[in-house]
Amino acid sequence: MAFRLVHADYHDPAHGAALVEMLSIYARDPMGGGEDLSEAAKANLIAGLQQTPHAFSILIFDGDRAVALANCIYGFSTFAAKKIINIHDMVVHPDYRGQGLGKMMFDEIELMAKQSGASKVTLEVLEGNEAAKGLYASLGYGDYVLDPKMGRALFWQKAI
């Protein structure tokens, strides 16, 4: 199969539809919470991304079918005084897992990080997502630790 990786154009209706579809697949997966996106989220997602200047998305297509998605956001490391890229969402369609699409997206994201002078790429992963953790570890990703005596950094949130 010849997969096609593209940087999503948030103004292209086909890319927008593919992005919403892939994010919906992710949301319905147990690793994405097990519930579909709300109709409001589906309706407002692309406009929100259009208004987020540091966001970018990568799509992989098999023909006309979207089969993988990574949503990313540039941030800034105050300690390194350089850009960072946070992978906010990463999903491969269940029918296409194990075919190297995740690595393909990581290769592109890491290339973008190097080209932009970013100091690192960050992501979150659920403790029980062994498949994703295996991929990420094989690519050199791991826990964020400043001082081993203080332990690993934890990702916390508060809904507003």
C-alpha atoms as a PDB file:
ATOM      1  CA  MET A   1       0.000   0.000   0.000  1.00  0.00           C
ATOM      2  CA  ALA A   2       1.133   3.522  -0.770  1.00  0.00           C
ATOM      3  CA  PHE A   3       0.155   5.761   2.091  1.00  0.00           C
ATOM      4  CA  ARG A   4       0.115   9.525   1.614  1.00  0.00           C
ATOM      5  CA  LEU A   5       1.106  11.825   4.503  1.00  0.00           C
ATOM      6  CA  VAL A   6      -0.161  15.407   4.310  1.00  0.00           C
ATOM      7  CA  HIS A   7      -0.116  18.476   6.510  1.00  0.00           C
ATOM      8  CA  ALA A   8      -3.792  19.195   6.997  1.00  0.00           C
ATOM      9  CA  ASP A   9      -5.119  22.380   5.464  1.00  0.00           C
ATOM     10  CA  TYR A  10      -7.783  23.564   7.913  1.00  0.00           C
ATOM     11  CA  HIS A  11      -9.454  25.478   5.040  1.00  0.00           C
ATOM     12  CA  ASP A  12      -9.821  22.352   2.869  1.00  0.00           C
ATOM     13  CA  PRO A  13     -13.245  20.766   3.525  1.00  0.00           C
ATOM     14  CA  ALA A  14     -11.932  17.268   2.697  1.00  0.00           C
ATOM     15  CA  HIS A  15      -9.099  17.624   5.210  1.00  0.00           C
ATOM     16  CA  GLY A  16     -11.501  19.032   7.787  1.00  0.00           C
ATOM     17  CA  ALA A  17     -13.910  16.122   7.359  1.00  0.00           C
ATOM     18  CA  ALA A  18     -11.045  13.616   7.571  1.00  0.00           C
ATOM     19  CA  LEU A  19      -9.700  15.256  10.718  1.00  0.00           C
ATOM     20  CA  VAL A  20     -13.095  15.221  12.455  1.00  0.00           C
ATOM     21  CA  GLU A  21     -13.669  11.597  11.402  1.00  0.00           C
ATOM     22  CA  MET A  22     -10.288  10.420  12.726  1.00  0.00           C
ATOM     23  CA  LEU A  23     -10.658  12.348  15.986  1.00  0.00           C
ATOM     24  CA  SER A  24     -14.119  10.831  16.409  1.00  0.00           C
ATOM     25  CA  ILE A  25     -12.628   7.345  15.951  1.00  0.00           C
ATOM     26  CA  TYR A  26     -10.060   8.200  18.620  1.00  0.00           C
ATOM     27  CA  ALA A  27     -12.683   9.554  21.029  1.00  0.00           C
ATOM     28  CA  ARG A  28     -14.801   6.381  20.691  1.00  0.00           C
ATOM     29  CA  ASP A  29     -11.781   4.151  21.410  1.00  0.00           C
ATOM     30  CA  PRO A  30     -11.214   3.172  25.063  1.00  0.00           C
ATOM     31  CA  MET A  31      -7.878   5.046  24.899  1.00  0.00           C
ATOM     32  CA  GLY A  32      -9.780   8.195  23.916  1.00  0.00           C
ATOM     33  CA  GLY A  33     -12.446   7.908  26.600  1.00  0.00           C
ATOM     34  CA  GLY A  34     -14.917   5.598  24.848  1.00  0.00           C
ATOM     35  CA  GLU A  35     -17.439   8.299  23.867  1.00  0.00           C
ATOM     36  CA  ASP A  36     -17.843  10.086  20.566  1.00  0.00           C
ATOM     37  CA  LEU A  37     -17.125  13.783  20.268  1.00  0.00           C
ATOM     38  CA  SER A  38     -20.099  15.987  21.025  1.00  0.00           C
ATOM     39  CA  GLU A  39     -21.921  17.491  18.069  1.00  0.00           C
ATOM     40  CA  ALA A  40     -20.685  20.901  19.247  1.00  0.00           C
ATOM     41  CA  ALA A  41     -17.062  19.696  19.208  1.00  0.00           C
ATOM     42  CA  LYS A  42     -17.502  18.239  15.722  1.00  0.00           C
ATOM     43  CA  ALA A  43     -19.098  21.469  14.487  1.00  0.00           C
ATOM     44  CA  ASN A  44     -16.467  23.775  16.017  1.00  0.00           C
ATOM     45  CA  LEU A  45     -13.236  21.749  15.810  1.00  0.00           C
ATOM     46  CA  ILE A  46     -11.946  22.994  12.471  1.00  0.00           C
ATOM     47  CA  ALA A  47     -12.813  26.650  13.152  1.00  0.00           C
ATOM     48  CA  GLY A  48     -11.053  26.362  16.496  1.00  0.00           C
ATOM     49  CA  LEU A  49      -7.938  24.919  14.872  1.00  0.00           C
ATOM     50  CA  GLN A  50      -8.038  27.677  12.237  1.00  0.00           C
ATOM     51  CA  GLN A  51      -7.925  30.199  15.085  1.00  0.00           C
ATOM     52  CA  THR A  52      -5.025  28.460  16.847  1.00  0.00           C
ATOM     53  CA  PRO A  53      -1.938  29.764  15.038  1.00  0.00           C
ATOM     54  CA  HIS A  54       0.494  27.298  16.602  1.00  0.00           C
ATOM     55  CA  ALA A  55      -1.573  24.199  15.819  1.00  0.00           C
ATOM     56  CA  PHE A  56      -0.879  21.787  12.996  1.00  0.00           C
ATOM     57  CA  SER A  57      -2.240  18.397  12.043  1.00  0.00           C
ATOM     58  CA  ILE A  58      -0.834  15.523  10.064  1.00  0.00           C
ATOM     59  CA  LEU A  59      -3.124  13.151   8.186  1.00  0.00           C
ATOM     60  CA  ILE A  60      -2.254   9.895   6.477  1.00  0.00           C
ATOM     61  CA  PHE A  61      -4.488   8.679   3.674  1.00  0.00           C
ATOM     62  CA  ASP A  62      -4.921   5.319   2.009  1.00  0.00           C
ATOM     63  CA  GLY A  63      -6.351   6.515  -1.290  1.00  0.00           C
ATOM     64  CA  ASP A  64      -9.131   8.919  -0.268  1.00  0.00           C
ATOM     65  CA  ARG A  65      -9.617   7.336   3.169  1.00  0.00           C
ATOM     66  CA  ALA A  66      -8.036   9.019   6.202  1.00  0.00           C
ATOM     67  CA  VAL A  67      -6.338   6.332   8.290  1.00  0.00           C
ATOM     68  CA  ALA A  68      -4.184   8.255  10.782  1.00  0.00           C
ATOM     69  CA  LEU A  69      -4.050  11.637  12.487  1.00  0.00           C
ATOM     70  CA  ALA A  70      -1.712  13.606  14.730  1.00  0.00           C
ATOM     71  CA  ASN A  71      -2.808  16.963  16.169  1.00  0.00           C
ATOM     72  CA  CYS A  72       0.095  19.011  17.478  1.00  0.00           C
ATOM     73  CA  ILE A  73       0.664  22.402  19.050  1.00  0.00           C
ATOM     74  CA  TYR A  74       3.874  24.415  19.241  1.00  0.00           C
ATOM     75  CA  GLY A  75       4.671  25.626  22.725  1.00  0.00           C
ATOM     76  CA  PHE A  76       7.707  27.137  24.421  1.00  0.00           C
ATOM     77  CA  SER A  77      10.179  25.698  26.917  1.00  0.00           C
ATOM     78  CA  THR A  78      11.222  28.395  29.369  1.00  0.00           C
ATOM     79  CA  PHE A  79      14.116  26.257  30.650  1.00  0.00           C
ATOM     80  CA  ALA A  80      15.545  25.738  27.144  1.00  0.00           C
ATOM     81  CA  ALA A  81      14.241  29.063  25.763  1.00  0.00           C
ATOM     82  CA  LYS A  82      13.194  27.192  22.621  1.00  0.00           C
ATOM     83  CA  LYS A  83      10.054  25.935  20.956  1.00  0.00           C
ATOM     84  CA  ILE A  84       8.572  22.557  21.812  1.00  0.00           C
ATOM     85  CA  ILE A  85       6.001  20.491  19.960  1.00  0.00           C
ATOM     86  CA  ASN A  86       3.275  18.788  21.970  1.00  0.00           C
ATOM     87  CA  ILE A  87       1.499  15.901  20.299  1.00  0.00           C
ATOM     88  CA  HIS A  88      -2.015  16.446  21.585  1.00  0.00           C
ATOM     89  CA  ASP A  89      -3.777  13.627  19.721  1.00  0.00           C
ATOM     90  CA  MET A  90      -2.363  10.589  17.932  1.00  0.00           C
ATOM     91  CA  VAL A  91      -4.624   7.981  16.337  1.00  0.00           C
ATOM     92  CA  VAL A  92      -4.327   5.251  13.750  1.00  0.00           C
ATOM     93  CA  HIS A  93      -7.534   3.662  12.431  1.00  0.00           C
ATOM     94  CA  PRO A  94      -7.938   0.210  14.053  1.00  0.00           C
ATOM     95  CA  ASP A  95      -7.848  -1.491  10.619  1.00  0.00           C
ATOM     96  CA  TYR A  96      -4.422   0.042   9.913  1.00  0.00           C
ATOM     97  CA  ARG A  97      -2.571  -0.438  13.186  1.00  0.00           C
ATOM     98  CA  GLY A  98       0.764  -2.243  13.110  1.00  0.00           C
ATOM     99  CA  GLN A  99       1.670  -0.961   9.633  1.00  0.00           C
ATOM    100  CA  GLY A 100       4.141   1.746  10.671  1.00  0.00           C
ATOM    101  CA  LEU A 101       1.803   4.732  10.364  1.00  0.00           C
ATOM    102  CA  GLY A 102       2.502   5.951  13.896  1.00  0.00           C
ATOM    103  CA  LYS A 103       6.231   5.927  13.215  1.00  0.00           C
ATOM    104  CA  MET A 104       5.620   7.694   9.914  1.00  0.00           C
ATOM    105  CA  MET A 105       3.858  10.534  11.755  1.00  0.00           C
ATOM    106  CA  PHE A 106       6.551  10.691  14.448  1.00  0.00           C
ATOM    107  CA  ASP A 107       9.264  10.920  11.779  1.00  0.00           C
ATOM    108  CA  GLU A 108       7.484  13.931  10.254  1.00  0.00           C
ATOM    109  CA  ILE A 109       6.860  15.605  13.634  1.00  0.00           C
ATOM    110  CA  GLU A 110      10.483  15.135  14.691  1.00  0.00           C
ATOM    111  CA  LEU A 111      11.684  16.526  11.352  1.00  0.00           C
ATOM    112  CA  MET A 112       9.492  19.589  11.919  1.00  0.00           C
ATOM    113  CA  ALA A 113      10.862  19.924  15.454  1.00  0.00           C
ATOM    114  CA  LYS A 114      14.442  19.868  14.176  1.00  0.00           C
ATOM    115  CA  GLN A 115      13.709  22.300  11.346  1.00  0.00           C
ATOM    116  CA  SER A 116      12.003  24.765  13.711  1.00  0.00           C
ATOM    117  CA  GLY A 117      14.749  24.586  16.344  1.00  0.00           C
ATOM    118  CA  ALA A 118      12.483  22.973  18.934  1.00  0.00           C
ATOM    119  CA  SER A 119      14.169  21.489  21.976  1.00  0.00           C
ATOM    120  CA  LYS A 120      11.816  18.536  22.397  1.00  0.00           C
ATOM    121  CA  VAL A 121       8.583  16.787  21.485  1.00  0.00           C
ATOM    122  CA  THR A 122       6.126  16.021  24.279  1.00  0.00           C
ATOM    123  CA  LEU A 123       3.035  13.851  24.550  1.00  0.00           C
ATOM    124  CA  GLU A 124       0.717  12.242  27.080  1.00  0.00           C
ATOM    125  CA  VAL A 125      -0.110   8.535  27.150  1.00  0.00           C
ATOM    126  CA  LEU A 126      -2.468   6.521  29.319  1.00  0.00           C
ATOM    127  CA  GLU A 127      -0.765   4.100  31.697  1.00  0.00           C
ATOM    128  CA  GLY A 128      -2.697   1.158  30.272  1.00  0.00           C
ATOM    129  CA  ASN A 129      -2.019   1.911  26.611  1.00  0.00           C
ATOM    130  CA  GLU A 130       0.727  -0.665  26.237  1.00  0.00           C
ATOM    131  CA  ALA A 131       0.766  -0.601  22.426  1.00  0.00           C
ATOM    132  CA  ALA A 132       1.308   3.160  22.289  1.00  0.00           C
ATOM    133  CA  LYS A 133       3.846   3.071  25.124  1.00  0.00           C
ATOM    134  CA  GLY A 134       5.763   0.377  23.261  1.00  0.00           C
ATOM    135  CA  LEU A 135       5.904   2.491  20.111  1.00  0.00           C
ATOM    136  CA  TYR A 136       6.849   5.651  21.975  1.00  0.00           C
ATOM    137  CA  ALA A 137       9.585   3.917  23.981  1.00  0.00           C
ATOM    138  CA  SER A 138      10.983   2.322  20.795  1.00  0.00           C
ATOM    139  CA  LEU A 139      11.312   5.849  19.383  1.00  0.00           C
ATOM    140  CA  GLY A 140      13.167   7.153  22.446  1.00  0.00           C
ATOM    141  CA  TYR A 141      10.311   8.732  24.417  1.00  0.00           C
ATOM    142  CA  GLY A 142      10.051   8.267  28.160  1.00  0.00           C
ATOM    143  CA  ASP A 143       9.006   9.731  31.486  1.00  0.00           C
ATOM    144  CA  TYR A 144       9.804  13.346  32.256  1.00  0.00           C
ATOM    145  CA  VAL A 145      12.091  13.432  35.288  1.00  0.00           C
ATOM    146  CA  LEU A 146      14.111  16.418  36.493  1.00  0.00           C
ATOM    147  CA  ASP A 147      15.410  14.846  39.720  1.00  0.00           C
ATOM    148  CA  PRO A 148      14.926  11.101  40.284  1.00  0.00           C
ATOM    149  CA  LYS A 149      14.440  11.724  44.014  1.00  0.00           C
ATOM    150  CA  MET A 150      11.397  13.872  43.181  1.00  0.00           C
ATOM    151  CA  GLY A 151       9.884  11.287  40.801  1.00  0.00           C
ATOM    152  CA  ARG A 152       8.200  11.523  37.440  1.00  0.00           C
ATOM    153  CA  ALA A 153       6.224  14.524  36.277  1.00  0.00           C
ATOM    154  CA  LEU A 154       2.470  13.972  36.341  1.00  0.00           C
ATOM    155  CA  PHE A 155      -0.075  15.436  33.947  1.00  0.00           C
ATOM    156  CA  TRP A 156      -2.935  17.024  35.930  1.00  0.00           C
ATOM    157  CA  GLN A 157      -6.010  18.877  34.797  1.00  0.00           C
ATOM    158  CA  LYS A 158      -9.006  20.805  36.033  1.00  0.00           C
ATOM    159  CA  ALA A 159     -12.071  21.170  33.830  1.00  0.00           C
ATOM    160  CA  ILE A 160     -13.291  24.754  33.483  1.00  0.00           C
END
